[in-house]
């Protein structure tokens, strides 16, 4: 009789341990899925931010806008005839260590 009792006890202990391990694994999987959802949401948000920044960059770097700003803030004039070099060898050589 004791032998049967020990077998039942061993089966119940193993069933309990199996159930506990299953519960722990299930909780771990749920936590991992929650982390994955959170990370995916963060990635989606970052992608949207990148899309907005790219649109802003394209808007701010329009050639007509840059030309207008250059004309407004930079007093640039076309080079005169004496300022254009035909041969790059005419450029002054920088001093050593400069």
C-alpha atoms as a PDB file:
ATOM      1  CA  UNK A   1       0.000   0.000   0.000  1.00  0.00           C
ATOM      2  CA  UNK A   2       2.820   2.374   0.820  1.00  0.00           C
ATOM      3  CA  UNK A   3       4.347   1.674  -2.553  1.00  0.00           C
ATOM      4  CA  UNK A   4       1.167   2.762  -4.347  1.00  0.00           C
ATOM      5  CA  UNK A   5       0.987   5.866  -2.149  1.00  0.00           C
ATOM      6  CA  UNK A   6       4.550   6.808  -3.117  1.00  0.00           C
ATOM      7  CA  UNK A   7       3.773   6.360  -6.807  1.00  0.00           C
ATOM      8  CA  UNK A   8       0.713   8.617  -6.543  1.00  0.00           C
ATOM      9  CA  UNK A   9       2.710  11.163  -4.583  1.00  0.00           C
ATOM     10  CA  UNK A  10       5.485  11.106  -7.190  1.00  0.00           C
ATOM     11  CA  UNK A  11       2.943  11.523 -10.008  1.00  0.00           C
ATOM     12  CA  UNK A  12       1.265  14.453  -8.215  1.00  0.00           C
ATOM     13  CA  UNK A  13       4.603  16.116  -7.478  1.00  0.00           C
ATOM     14  CA  UNK A  14       5.697  15.715 -11.097  1.00  0.00           C
ATOM     15  CA  UNK A  15       2.333  17.009 -12.320  1.00  0.00           C
ATOM     16  CA  UNK A  16       2.617  20.002  -9.991  1.00  0.00           C
ATOM     17  CA  UNK A  17       6.161  20.750 -11.120  1.00  0.00           C
ATOM     18  CA  UNK A  18       5.140  20.376 -14.755  1.00  0.00           C
ATOM     19  CA  UNK A  19       2.232  22.756 -14.202  1.00  0.00           C
ATOM     20  CA  UNK A  20       4.479  25.278 -12.465  1.00  0.00           C
ATOM     21  CA  UNK A  21       7.027  25.093 -15.282  1.00  0.00           C
ATOM     22  CA  UNK A  22       4.256  25.482 -17.860  1.00  0.00           C
ATOM     23  CA  UNK A  23       2.888  28.525 -16.024  1.00  0.00           C
ATOM     24  CA  UNK A  24       6.357  30.078 -15.763  1.00  0.00           C
ATOM     25  CA  UNK A  25       7.011  29.457 -19.468  1.00  0.00           C
ATOM     26  CA  UNK A  26       3.639  30.920 -20.377  1.00  0.00           C
ATOM     27  CA  UNK A  27       4.354  34.036 -18.322  1.00  0.00           C
ATOM     28  CA  UNK A  28       7.770  34.390 -19.965  1.00  0.00           C
ATOM     29  CA  UNK A  29       6.231  34.118 -23.424  1.00  0.00           C
ATOM     30  CA  UNK A  30       3.583  36.719 -22.577  1.00  0.00           C
ATOM     31  CA  UNK A  31       6.277  39.068 -21.256  1.00  0.00           C
ATOM     32  CA  UNK A  32       8.342  38.561 -24.415  1.00  0.00           C
ATOM     33  CA  UNK A  33       5.280  39.251 -26.587  1.00  0.00           C
ATOM     34  CA  UNK A  34       4.562  42.434 -24.624  1.00  0.00           C
ATOM     35  CA  UNK A  35       8.178  43.530 -25.083  1.00  0.00           C
ATOM     36  CA  UNK A  36       7.960  42.769 -28.790  1.00  0.00           C
ATOM     37  CA  UNK A  37       4.752  44.814 -29.152  1.00  0.00           C
ATOM     38  CA  UNK A  38       6.335  47.717 -27.260  1.00  0.00           C
ATOM     39  CA  UNK A  39       9.471  47.599 -29.399  1.00  0.00           C
ATOM     40  CA  UNK A  40       7.434  47.371 -32.608  1.00  0.00           C
ATOM     41  CA  UNK A  41       5.436  50.412 -31.534  1.00  0.00           C
ATOM     42  CA  UNK A  42       8.677  52.266 -30.824  1.00  0.00           C
ATOM     43  CA  UNK A  43      10.122  51.273 -34.214  1.00  0.00           C
ATOM     44  CA  UNK A  44       6.942  52.438 -35.965  1.00  0.00           C
ATOM     45  CA  UNK A  45       7.130  55.761 -34.121  1.00  0.00           C
ATOM     46  CA  UNK A  46      10.785  56.204 -35.108  1.00  0.00           C
ATOM     47  CA  UNK A  47       9.979  55.379 -38.745  1.00  0.00           C
ATOM     48  CA  UNK A  48       7.251  58.027 -38.725  1.00  0.00           C
ATOM     49  CA  UNK A  49       9.672  60.528 -37.176  1.00  0.00           C
ATOM     50  CA  UNK A  50      12.254  59.741 -39.867  1.00  0.00           C
ATOM     51  CA  UNK A  51       9.612  60.186 -42.574  1.00  0.00           C
ATOM     52  CA  UNK A  52       8.657  63.606 -41.172  1.00  0.00           C
ATOM     53  CA  UNK A  53      12.302  64.662 -40.872  1.00  0.00           C
ATOM     54  CA  UNK A  54      13.001  63.595 -44.458  1.00  0.00           C
ATOM     55  CA  UNK A  55      10.035  65.649 -45.646  1.00  0.00           C
ATOM     56  CA  UNK A  56      11.296  68.650 -43.656  1.00  0.00           C
ATOM     57  CA  UNK A  57      14.796  68.191 -45.066  1.00  0.00           C
ATOM     58  CA  UNK A  58      13.462  68.060 -48.623  1.00  0.00           C
ATOM     59  CA  UNK A  59      11.393  71.188 -47.991  1.00  0.00           C
ATOM     60  CA  UNK A  60      14.264  73.136 -46.410  1.00  0.00           C
ATOM     61  CA  UNK A  61      16.740  72.173 -49.145  1.00  0.00           C
ATOM     62  CA  UNK A  62      14.647  73.175 -52.142  1.00  0.00           C
ATOM     63  CA  UNK A  63      16.968  74.893 -54.662  1.00  0.00           C
ATOM     64  CA  UNK A  64      14.678  77.925 -55.052  1.00  0.00           C
ATOM     65  CA  UNK A  65      14.581  78.422 -51.283  1.00  0.00           C
ATOM     66  CA  UNK A  66      18.353  78.058 -50.935  1.00  0.00           C
ATOM     67  CA  UNK A  67      18.898  80.497 -53.799  1.00  0.00           C
ATOM     68  CA  UNK A  68      16.581  83.003 -52.146  1.00  0.00           C
ATOM     69  CA  UNK A  69      18.340  82.642 -48.775  1.00  0.00           C
ATOM     70  CA  UNK A  70      21.779  82.916 -50.383  1.00  0.00           C
ATOM     71  CA  UNK A  71      20.722  86.117 -52.121  1.00  0.00           C
ATOM     72  CA  UNK A  72      19.268  87.475 -48.891  1.00  0.00           C
ATOM     73  CA  UNK A  73      22.125  86.655 -46.502  1.00  0.00           C
ATOM     74  CA  UNK A  74      25.247  86.280 -48.666  1.00  0.00           C
ATOM     75  CA  UNK A  75      26.561  89.202 -50.646  1.00  0.00           C
ATOM     76  CA  UNK A  76      27.933  87.060 -53.433  1.00  0.00           C
ATOM     77  CA  UNK A  77      28.867  88.510 -56.799  1.00  0.00           C
ATOM     78  CA  UNK A  78      30.144  86.764 -59.902  1.00  0.00           C
ATOM     79  CA  UNK A  79      33.963  86.621 -60.068  1.00  0.00           C
ATOM     80  CA  UNK A  80      35.718  89.279 -62.091  1.00  0.00           C
ATOM     81  CA  UNK A  81      38.025  88.464 -65.003  1.00  0.00           C
ATOM     82  CA  UNK A  82      41.130  88.755 -62.829  1.00  0.00           C
ATOM     83  CA  UNK A  83      39.755  86.332 -60.242  1.00  0.00           C
ATOM     84  CA  UNK A  84      39.428  83.299 -62.506  1.00  0.00           C
ATOM     85  CA  UNK A  85      42.454  81.000 -62.884  1.00  0.00           C
ATOM     86  CA  UNK A  86      42.840  78.991 -66.048  1.00  0.00           C
ATOM     87  CA  UNK A  87      45.592  76.782 -64.619  1.00  0.00           C
ATOM     88  CA  UNK A  88      45.275  75.279 -61.112  1.00  0.00           C
ATOM     89  CA  UNK A  89      49.066  75.412 -60.898  1.00  0.00           C
ATOM     90  CA  UNK A  90      48.757  79.168 -60.410  1.00  0.00           C
ATOM     91  CA  UNK A  91      47.255  78.662 -56.970  1.00  0.00           C
ATOM     92  CA  UNK A  92      49.549  79.710 -54.139  1.00  0.00           C
ATOM     93  CA  UNK A  93      51.198  76.866 -52.250  1.00  0.00           C
ATOM     94  CA  UNK A  94      50.363  76.835 -48.514  1.00  0.00           C
ATOM     95  CA  UNK A  95      53.239  77.319 -46.104  1.00  0.00           C
ATOM     96  CA  UNK A  96      54.524  74.141 -44.403  1.00  0.00           C
ATOM     97  CA  UNK A  97      52.756  73.451 -41.122  1.00  0.00           C
ATOM     98  CA  UNK A  98      49.814  75.687 -42.003  1.00  0.00           C
END
